[in-house]
Amino acid sequence: MAREIERKFLVNGNFEPFVARREKIVQGYLCADAERTVRVRICGEEAFLTVKSGTAGCGWSRYEFETAVPVAEAEAMLALCMPGTVSKVRHWIEHKGHTWEVDVFHGESEGLTVAEIELESEDEDFERPPWLGREVTGDPKYFNSALAINPFTKWNLDSGFKI
């Protein structure tokens, strides 16, 4: 079974000089609840249908199953998704033996930038890049499925929330 172990952080510095490649991503959700998500994603010239389990009781890991689909089918599936899509540009950065994925959100989540790292185990050590900020792993408001429903620009930033 496919298992994803992922940690997520806010970005506080300039990561641009380290970017190896970037790609525009648009995604929507056919299903999104605490126990599972079913996502349709178009990433550049490729498209994928992804099923993820929830993280409750699993620490930082969860099941993930991803299948490539034709872009035309993904575009049709996006029309069937729940209201709200996520638009972002993903940047891939190699740092000290790990690949970081930095997502710069656009549209209704403009202003939010997060970095993710996938690990082999939950206790795997990694070196934090200098542009990395506060960890938000497990904070559900930063899940992409949550951002589709409650985008960053609609958060009440006056309520004490700080990036």
N, C-alpha and C. Protein backbone atom coordinates (compact mmCIF):
# COMPACT_ATOMS: atom_id res chain seq x y z
N MET A 1 0.82 -1.19 0.00
CA MET A 1 0.00 0.00 0.00
C MET A 1 0.86 1.25 0.00
N ALA A 2 0.39 2.25 -0.67
CA ALA A 2 1.11 3.52 -0.76
C ALA A 2 0.91 4.31 0.52
N ARG A 3 2.01 4.68 1.15
CA ARG A 3 1.95 5.44 2.40
C ARG A 3 2.72 6.75 2.19
N GLU A 4 2.11 7.86 2.56
CA GLU A 4 2.74 9.16 2.44
C GLU A 4 3.03 9.69 3.84
N ILE A 5 4.28 10.07 4.07
CA ILE A 5 4.68 10.69 5.32
C ILE A 5 5.17 12.08 4.96
N GLU A 6 4.42 13.08 5.40
CA GLU A 6 4.65 14.44 4.92
C GLU A 6 4.62 15.42 6.08
N ARG A 7 5.52 16.41 6.03
CA ARG A 7 5.50 17.51 6.99
C ARG A 7 5.33 18.80 6.21
N LYS A 8 4.62 19.76 6.80
CA LYS A 8 4.27 21.00 6.12
C LYS A 8 4.68 22.19 6.97
N PHE A 9 5.22 23.24 6.30
CA PHE A 9 5.73 24.43 6.98
C PHE A 9 5.31 25.68 6.21
N LEU A 10 5.19 26.78 6.91
CA LEU A 10 5.04 28.06 6.24
C LEU A 10 6.42 28.48 5.72
N VAL A 11 6.42 29.37 4.74
CA VAL A 11 7.66 29.86 4.16
C VAL A 11 7.85 31.31 4.58
N ASN A 12 9.03 31.62 5.14
CA ASN A 12 9.30 32.96 5.66
C ASN A 12 10.43 33.68 4.94
N GLY A 13 11.02 33.07 3.95
CA GLY A 13 12.15 33.72 3.30
C GLY A 13 12.14 33.49 1.80
N ASN A 14 13.17 33.97 1.15
CA ASN A 14 13.28 33.89 -0.30
C ASN A 14 13.83 32.53 -0.72
N PHE A 15 12.98 31.69 -1.26
CA PHE A 15 13.37 30.37 -1.73
C PHE A 15 13.70 30.35 -3.22
N GLU A 16 13.34 31.42 -3.94
CA GLU A 16 13.45 31.46 -5.40
C GLU A 16 14.82 31.08 -5.95
N PRO A 17 15.92 31.52 -5.34
CA PRO A 17 17.23 31.17 -5.93
C PRO A 17 17.52 29.67 -5.96
N PHE A 18 16.76 28.88 -5.23
CA PHE A 18 17.04 27.45 -5.09
C PHE A 18 16.11 26.57 -5.93
N VAL A 19 15.17 27.17 -6.65
CA VAL A 19 14.15 26.42 -7.39
C VAL A 19 14.77 25.69 -8.57
N ALA A 20 14.52 24.37 -8.67
CA ALA A 20 15.00 23.56 -9.78
C ALA A 20 13.98 23.55 -10.93
N ARG A 21 12.70 23.52 -10.60
CA ARG A 21 11.64 23.59 -11.61
C ARG A 21 10.35 24.03 -10.94
N ARG A 22 9.39 24.44 -11.76
CA ARG A 22 8.10 24.89 -11.25
C ARG A 22 7.01 24.48 -12.23
N GLU A 23 5.79 24.35 -11.71
CA GLU A 23 4.66 23.94 -12.53
C GLU A 23 3.37 24.48 -11.93
N LYS A 24 2.47 24.94 -12.80
CA LYS A 24 1.16 25.41 -12.35
C LYS A 24 0.28 24.20 -12.05
N ILE A 25 -0.48 24.30 -10.95
CA ILE A 25 -1.38 23.23 -10.53
C ILE A 25 -2.77 23.81 -10.28
N VAL A 26 -3.78 23.12 -10.79
CA VAL A 26 -5.17 23.42 -10.48
C VAL A 26 -5.78 22.12 -9.99
N GLN A 27 -6.49 22.18 -8.87
CA GLN A 27 -7.08 20.95 -8.34
C GLN A 27 -8.41 21.24 -7.67
N GLY A 28 -9.25 20.20 -7.69
CA GLY A 28 -10.54 20.26 -7.04
C GLY A 28 -10.79 18.94 -6.32
N TYR A 29 -11.86 18.91 -5.55
CA TYR A 29 -12.14 17.74 -4.71
C TYR A 29 -13.52 17.18 -5.01
N LEU A 30 -13.56 15.88 -5.31
CA LEU A 30 -14.82 15.17 -5.49
C LEU A 30 -15.39 14.79 -4.13
N CYS A 31 -14.50 14.60 -3.16
CA CYS A 31 -14.88 14.26 -1.80
C CYS A 31 -13.81 14.82 -0.87
N ALA A 32 -14.23 15.42 0.23
CA ALA A 32 -13.27 15.94 1.20
C ALA A 32 -13.91 15.94 2.58
N ASP A 33 -13.47 15.01 3.41
CA ASP A 33 -13.90 14.99 4.80
C ASP A 33 -12.74 14.52 5.65
N ALA A 34 -12.94 14.36 6.93
CA ALA A 34 -11.85 14.03 7.85
C ALA A 34 -11.25 12.65 7.59
N GLU A 35 -12.01 11.76 6.96
CA GLU A 35 -11.54 10.40 6.77
C GLU A 35 -10.93 10.13 5.40
N ARG A 36 -11.23 11.01 4.40
CA ARG A 36 -10.73 10.76 3.05
C ARG A 36 -10.88 12.00 2.18
N THR A 37 -10.02 12.08 1.17
CA THR A 37 -10.21 13.07 0.11
C THR A 37 -10.03 12.36 -1.23
N VAL A 38 -10.79 12.81 -2.20
CA VAL A 38 -10.62 12.36 -3.58
C VAL A 38 -10.39 13.62 -4.40
N ARG A 39 -9.18 13.72 -4.96
CA ARG A 39 -8.74 14.95 -5.60
C ARG A 39 -8.52 14.72 -7.10
N VAL A 40 -8.85 15.74 -7.89
CA VAL A 40 -8.52 15.79 -9.31
C VAL A 40 -7.51 16.91 -9.46
N ARG A 41 -6.37 16.62 -10.10
CA ARG A 41 -5.32 17.62 -10.22
C ARG A 41 -4.80 17.66 -11.65
N ILE A 42 -4.66 18.88 -12.16
CA ILE A 42 -3.95 19.09 -13.43
C ILE A 42 -2.67 19.82 -13.08
N CYS A 43 -1.55 19.19 -13.44
CA CYS A 43 -0.22 19.73 -13.14
C CYS A 43 0.52 19.83 -14.46
N GLY A 44 0.58 21.05 -15.00
CA GLY A 44 1.22 21.22 -16.30
C GLY A 44 0.45 20.48 -17.37
N GLU A 45 1.10 19.55 -18.04
CA GLU A 45 0.49 18.77 -19.13
C GLU A 45 0.05 17.39 -18.66
N GLU A 46 0.02 17.17 -17.34
CA GLU A 46 -0.38 15.89 -16.77
C GLU A 46 -1.57 16.08 -15.85
N ALA A 47 -2.30 14.98 -15.61
CA ALA A 47 -3.44 15.04 -14.69
C ALA A 47 -3.50 13.75 -13.88
N PHE A 48 -4.07 13.88 -12.68
CA PHE A 48 -4.09 12.76 -11.74
C PHE A 48 -5.38 12.74 -10.94
N LEU A 49 -5.80 11.56 -10.58
CA LEU A 49 -6.89 11.33 -9.65
C LEU A 49 -6.24 10.71 -8.42
N THR A 50 -6.44 11.33 -7.25
CA THR A 50 -5.76 10.89 -6.04
C THR A 50 -6.76 10.67 -4.92
N VAL A 51 -6.59 9.56 -4.21
CA VAL A 51 -7.39 9.24 -3.03
C VAL A 51 -6.42 9.23 -1.85
N LYS A 52 -6.76 10.01 -0.80
CA LYS A 52 -5.95 10.04 0.41
C LYS A 52 -6.82 9.72 1.61
N SER A 53 -6.24 8.99 2.56
CA SER A 53 -6.95 8.74 3.82
C SER A 53 -6.76 9.94 4.73
N GLY A 54 -7.56 10.00 5.77
CA GLY A 54 -7.36 11.02 6.79
C GLY A 54 -6.13 10.69 7.61
N THR A 55 -5.74 11.61 8.49
CA THR A 55 -4.54 11.41 9.30
C THR A 55 -4.86 11.05 10.75
N ALA A 56 -6.13 11.01 11.10
CA ALA A 56 -6.49 10.75 12.51
C ALA A 56 -5.86 9.44 12.99
N GLY A 57 -5.10 9.55 14.07
CA GLY A 57 -4.46 8.38 14.67
C GLY A 57 -3.28 7.87 13.89
N CYS A 58 -2.86 8.55 12.83
CA CYS A 58 -1.78 8.07 11.97
C CYS A 58 -0.52 8.93 12.06
N GLY A 59 -0.49 9.88 12.97
CA GLY A 59 0.67 10.77 13.03
C GLY A 59 0.74 11.62 11.78
N TRP A 60 1.90 11.62 11.13
CA TRP A 60 2.09 12.42 9.92
C TRP A 60 1.88 11.61 8.66
N SER A 61 1.53 10.35 8.78
CA SER A 61 1.41 9.51 7.60
C SER A 61 -0.05 9.20 7.29
N ARG A 62 -0.27 8.89 6.01
CA ARG A 62 -1.60 8.47 5.58
C ARG A 62 -1.46 7.71 4.27
N TYR A 63 -2.52 7.01 3.92
CA TYR A 63 -2.52 6.29 2.66
C TYR A 63 -2.77 7.26 1.52
N GLU A 64 -2.09 7.01 0.39
CA GLU A 64 -2.28 7.83 -0.79
C GLU A 64 -2.19 6.94 -2.03
N PHE A 65 -3.20 7.04 -2.88
CA PHE A 65 -3.25 6.29 -4.13
C PHE A 65 -3.46 7.29 -5.25
N GLU A 66 -2.55 7.29 -6.23
CA GLU A 66 -2.62 8.28 -7.30
C GLU A 66 -2.56 7.57 -8.65
N THR A 67 -3.43 7.98 -9.55
CA THR A 67 -3.50 7.40 -10.89
C THR A 67 -3.50 8.51 -11.92
N ALA A 68 -2.68 8.36 -12.95
CA ALA A 68 -2.67 9.33 -14.05
C ALA A 68 -3.96 9.16 -14.86
N VAL A 69 -4.51 10.29 -15.28
CA VAL A 69 -5.70 10.29 -16.13
C VAL A 69 -5.45 11.28 -17.27
N PRO A 70 -6.14 11.12 -18.39
CA PRO A 70 -6.00 12.11 -19.47
C PRO A 70 -6.44 13.49 -19.00
N VAL A 71 -5.75 14.53 -19.47
CA VAL A 71 -6.06 15.90 -19.06
C VAL A 71 -7.51 16.25 -19.39
N ALA A 72 -8.00 15.83 -20.54
CA ALA A 72 -9.39 16.13 -20.91
C ALA A 72 -10.37 15.53 -19.91
N GLU A 73 -10.09 14.32 -19.42
CA GLU A 73 -10.96 13.71 -18.41
C GLU A 73 -10.86 14.48 -17.09
N ALA A 74 -9.66 14.89 -16.73
CA ALA A 74 -9.49 15.66 -15.49
C ALA A 74 -10.24 16.98 -15.56
N GLU A 75 -10.20 17.63 -16.72
CA GLU A 75 -10.95 18.88 -16.89
C GLU A 75 -12.45 18.65 -16.71
N ALA A 76 -12.96 17.53 -17.24
CA ALA A 76 -14.37 17.20 -17.09
C ALA A 76 -14.68 16.88 -15.62
N MET A 77 -13.78 16.17 -14.94
CA MET A 77 -13.99 15.85 -13.52
C MET A 77 -13.96 17.10 -12.66
N LEU A 78 -13.12 18.08 -13.00
CA LEU A 78 -13.08 19.33 -12.22
C LEU A 78 -14.45 20.00 -12.20
N ALA A 79 -15.19 19.84 -13.28
CA ALA A 79 -16.54 20.43 -13.33
C ALA A 79 -17.50 19.71 -12.39
N LEU A 80 -17.16 18.49 -11.99
CA LEU A 80 -18.00 17.70 -11.06
C LEU A 80 -17.60 17.89 -9.60
N CYS A 81 -16.51 18.59 -9.38
CA CYS A 81 -15.97 18.72 -8.02
C CYS A 81 -16.85 19.62 -7.15
N MET A 82 -16.62 19.49 -5.86
CA MET A 82 -17.27 20.37 -4.89
C MET A 82 -16.89 21.81 -5.22
N PRO A 83 -17.69 22.78 -4.79
CA PRO A 83 -17.33 24.19 -5.05
C PRO A 83 -15.97 24.53 -4.46
N GLY A 84 -15.21 25.34 -5.18
CA GLY A 84 -13.90 25.77 -4.71
C GLY A 84 -12.79 24.94 -5.30
N THR A 85 -11.86 25.59 -5.97
CA THR A 85 -10.68 24.91 -6.47
C THR A 85 -9.45 25.56 -5.86
N VAL A 86 -8.34 24.88 -5.98
CA VAL A 86 -7.06 25.39 -5.50
C VAL A 86 -6.18 25.63 -6.71
N SER A 87 -5.62 26.83 -6.77
CA SER A 87 -4.70 27.20 -7.84
C SER A 87 -3.38 27.61 -7.20
N LYS A 88 -2.29 27.03 -7.70
CA LYS A 88 -0.99 27.32 -7.11
C LYS A 88 0.11 27.02 -8.12
N VAL A 89 1.29 27.52 -7.82
CA VAL A 89 2.48 27.15 -8.58
C VAL A 89 3.37 26.39 -7.61
N ARG A 90 3.73 25.17 -8.01
CA ARG A 90 4.61 24.34 -7.18
C ARG A 90 6.04 24.52 -7.65
N HIS A 91 6.92 24.69 -6.69
CA HIS A 91 8.36 24.85 -6.93
C HIS A 91 9.08 23.68 -6.27
N TRP A 92 9.95 23.00 -7.00
CA TRP A 92 10.71 21.89 -6.45
C TRP A 92 12.11 22.37 -6.13
N ILE A 93 12.55 22.07 -4.90
CA ILE A 93 13.85 22.52 -4.41
C ILE A 93 14.57 21.33 -3.76
N GLU A 94 15.79 21.09 -4.17
CA GLU A 94 16.63 20.07 -3.53
C GLU A 94 17.42 20.75 -2.41
N HIS A 95 17.36 20.15 -1.22
CA HIS A 95 18.10 20.71 -0.09
C HIS A 95 18.58 19.59 0.82
N LYS A 96 19.87 19.42 0.87
CA LYS A 96 20.51 18.48 1.80
C LYS A 96 19.90 17.08 1.73
N GLY A 97 19.75 16.56 0.50
CA GLY A 97 19.29 15.19 0.32
C GLY A 97 17.79 15.00 0.31
N HIS A 98 17.02 16.07 0.39
CA HIS A 98 15.56 15.98 0.35
C HIS A 98 15.01 16.92 -0.71
N THR A 99 13.85 16.56 -1.23
CA THR A 99 13.14 17.42 -2.17
C THR A 99 12.03 18.14 -1.43
N TRP A 100 12.05 19.46 -1.49
CA TRP A 100 11.00 20.29 -0.91
C TRP A 100 10.07 20.73 -2.03
N GLU A 101 8.78 20.72 -1.75
CA GLU A 101 7.78 21.23 -2.67
C GLU A 101 7.20 22.49 -2.05
N VAL A 102 7.45 23.63 -2.68
CA VAL A 102 6.97 24.92 -2.16
C VAL A 102 5.81 25.36 -3.04
N ASP A 103 4.64 25.51 -2.42
CA ASP A 103 3.43 25.91 -3.13
C ASP A 103 3.12 27.37 -2.85
N VAL A 104 3.09 28.16 -3.93
CA VAL A 104 2.69 29.56 -3.86
C VAL A 104 1.26 29.62 -4.38
N PHE A 105 0.33 29.91 -3.49
CA PHE A 105 -1.09 29.87 -3.83
C PHE A 105 -1.52 31.14 -4.54
N HIS A 106 -2.51 30.97 -5.41
CA HIS A 106 -3.08 32.09 -6.17
C HIS A 106 -4.59 32.09 -5.98
N GLY A 107 -5.26 32.98 -6.64
CA GLY A 107 -6.71 33.06 -6.51
C GLY A 107 -7.10 33.46 -5.11
N GLU A 108 -8.06 32.75 -4.55
CA GLU A 108 -8.58 33.12 -3.24
C GLU A 108 -7.63 32.78 -2.08
N SER A 109 -6.57 32.07 -2.36
CA SER A 109 -5.57 31.81 -1.31
C SER A 109 -4.27 32.55 -1.57
N GLU A 110 -4.36 33.60 -2.41
CA GLU A 110 -3.21 34.46 -2.69
C GLU A 110 -2.60 34.95 -1.38
N GLY A 111 -1.27 34.92 -1.32
CA GLY A 111 -0.57 35.37 -0.12
C GLY A 111 -0.09 34.24 0.76
N LEU A 112 -0.54 33.03 0.51
CA LEU A 112 -0.12 31.88 1.29
C LEU A 112 0.95 31.11 0.53
N THR A 113 2.04 30.78 1.22
CA THR A 113 3.11 29.96 0.65
C THR A 113 3.49 28.92 1.69
N VAL A 114 3.43 27.65 1.30
CA VAL A 114 3.77 26.56 2.20
C VAL A 114 4.80 25.64 1.54
N ALA A 115 5.59 24.98 2.36
CA ALA A 115 6.59 24.02 1.89
C ALA A 115 6.28 22.67 2.52
N GLU A 116 6.43 21.63 1.70
CA GLU A 116 6.20 20.26 2.18
C GLU A 116 7.43 19.42 1.89
N ILE A 117 7.66 18.46 2.77
CA ILE A 117 8.72 17.49 2.58
C ILE A 117 8.12 16.11 2.82
N GLU A 118 8.43 15.16 1.94
CA GLU A 118 8.01 13.77 2.14
C GLU A 118 9.19 13.02 2.71
N LEU A 119 8.90 12.20 3.71
CA LEU A 119 9.93 11.47 4.43
C LEU A 119 9.72 9.96 4.30
N GLU A 120 10.77 9.21 4.56
CA GLU A 120 10.69 7.74 4.54
C GLU A 120 10.08 7.20 5.83
N SER A 121 10.29 7.92 6.94
CA SER A 121 9.73 7.52 8.23
C SER A 121 9.41 8.78 9.03
N GLU A 122 8.54 8.64 10.01
CA GLU A 122 8.14 9.81 10.81
C GLU A 122 9.28 10.37 11.65
N ASP A 123 10.28 9.55 11.96
CA ASP A 123 11.40 10.04 12.78
C ASP A 123 12.64 10.36 11.95
N GLU A 124 12.49 10.43 10.63
CA GLU A 124 13.62 10.76 9.76
C GLU A 124 14.08 12.20 10.01
N ASP A 125 15.40 12.35 10.15
CA ASP A 125 15.98 13.68 10.33
C ASP A 125 16.09 14.38 8.97
N PHE A 126 15.96 15.70 9.00
CA PHE A 126 16.18 16.50 7.80
C PHE A 126 16.66 17.88 8.25
N GLU A 127 17.39 18.53 7.36
CA GLU A 127 17.88 19.88 7.66
C GLU A 127 16.90 20.90 7.10
N ARG A 128 16.53 21.84 7.95
CA ARG A 128 15.59 22.89 7.55
C ARG A 128 16.31 23.94 6.71
N PRO A 129 15.75 24.25 5.53
CA PRO A 129 16.33 25.35 4.74
C PRO A 129 16.14 26.68 5.47
N PRO A 130 16.97 27.67 5.18
CA PRO A 130 16.89 28.95 5.90
C PRO A 130 15.60 29.73 5.64
N TRP A 131 14.88 29.43 4.57
CA TRP A 131 13.65 30.14 4.24
C TRP A 131 12.41 29.50 4.87
N LEU A 132 12.61 28.44 5.63
CA LEU A 132 11.49 27.71 6.22
C LEU A 132 10.99 28.39 7.49
N GLY A 133 9.67 28.45 7.64
CA GLY A 133 9.06 29.06 8.82
C GLY A 133 8.44 28.02 9.74
N ARG A 134 7.38 28.44 10.38
CA ARG A 134 6.69 27.64 11.40
C ARG A 134 6.07 26.38 10.81
N GLU A 135 6.15 25.27 11.54
CA GLU A 135 5.54 24.02 11.10
C GLU A 135 4.02 24.08 11.29
N VAL A 136 3.29 23.60 10.28
CA VAL A 136 1.82 23.56 10.33
C VAL A 136 1.30 22.16 10.00
N THR A 137 2.18 21.16 10.08
CA THR A 137 1.77 19.78 9.85
C THR A 137 0.59 19.45 10.76
N GLY A 138 -0.44 18.88 10.22
CA GLY A 138 -1.58 18.46 11.02
C GLY A 138 -2.59 19.56 11.30
N ASP A 139 -2.30 20.80 10.95
CA ASP A 139 -3.27 21.88 11.15
C ASP A 139 -4.22 21.84 9.96
N PRO A 140 -5.46 21.42 10.18
CA PRO A 140 -6.37 21.18 9.06
C PRO A 140 -6.66 22.39 8.18
N LYS A 141 -6.51 23.61 8.69
CA LYS A 141 -6.82 24.76 7.84
C LYS A 141 -5.82 24.90 6.69
N TYR A 142 -4.65 24.26 6.81
CA TYR A 142 -3.65 24.31 5.75
C TYR A 142 -3.76 23.15 4.76
N PHE A 143 -4.68 22.22 4.99
CA PHE A 143 -4.90 21.15 4.02
C PHE A 143 -5.44 21.79 2.75
N ASN A 144 -5.00 21.34 1.60
CA ASN A 144 -5.49 21.89 0.34
C ASN A 144 -7.00 21.71 0.21
N SER A 145 -7.51 20.60 0.71
CA SER A 145 -8.96 20.38 0.64
C SER A 145 -9.70 21.43 1.46
N ALA A 146 -9.12 21.87 2.59
CA ALA A 146 -9.74 22.91 3.40
C ALA A 146 -9.61 24.27 2.71
N LEU A 147 -8.49 24.51 2.05
CA LEU A 147 -8.30 25.78 1.34
C LEU A 147 -9.27 25.93 0.18
N ALA A 148 -9.71 24.82 -0.40
CA ALA A 148 -10.70 24.88 -1.47
C ALA A 148 -12.02 25.41 -0.93
N ILE A 149 -12.34 25.06 0.31
CA ILE A 149 -13.62 25.45 0.92
C ILE A 149 -13.49 26.78 1.66
N ASN A 150 -12.39 26.96 2.37
CA ASN A 150 -12.15 28.16 3.18
C ASN A 150 -10.79 28.75 2.80
N PRO A 151 -10.73 29.48 1.68
CA PRO A 151 -9.44 29.99 1.19
C PRO A 151 -8.80 31.01 2.12
N PHE A 152 -7.50 31.11 1.99
CA PHE A 152 -6.66 31.95 2.86
C PHE A 152 -7.16 33.39 2.95
N THR A 153 -7.59 33.98 1.84
CA THR A 153 -8.02 35.39 1.87
C THR A 153 -9.29 35.59 2.68
N LYS A 154 -9.99 34.53 3.03
CA LYS A 154 -11.21 34.65 3.83
C LYS A 154 -10.97 34.37 5.31
N TRP A 155 -9.73 34.00 5.66
CA TRP A 155 -9.42 33.79 7.06
C TRP A 155 -9.48 35.13 7.77
N ASN A 156 -9.86 35.11 9.02
CA ASN A 156 -9.88 36.33 9.82
C ASN A 156 -8.49 36.54 10.40
N LEU A 157 -7.66 37.27 9.65
CA LEU A 157 -6.28 37.48 10.09
C LEU A 157 -6.15 38.42 11.27
N ASP A 158 -7.23 39.10 11.62
CA ASP A 158 -7.20 40.00 12.78
C ASP A 158 -7.43 39.25 14.09
N SER A 159 -7.69 37.95 14.02
CA SER A 159 -8.02 37.20 15.22
C SER A 159 -6.78 36.67 15.94
N GLY A 160 -5.61 37.23 15.60
CA GLY A 160 -4.40 36.79 16.28
C GLY A 160 -3.60 35.80 15.49
N PHE A 161 -4.10 35.34 14.35
CA PHE A 161 -3.35 34.40 13.52
C PHE A 161 -2.16 35.12 12.89
N LYS A 162 -1.00 34.51 13.00
CA LYS A 162 0.21 35.10 12.42
C LYS A 162 0.95 34.03 11.62
N ILE A 163 1.47 34.44 10.49
CA ILE A 163 2.29 33.54 9.66
C ILE A 163 3.71 33.60 10.16
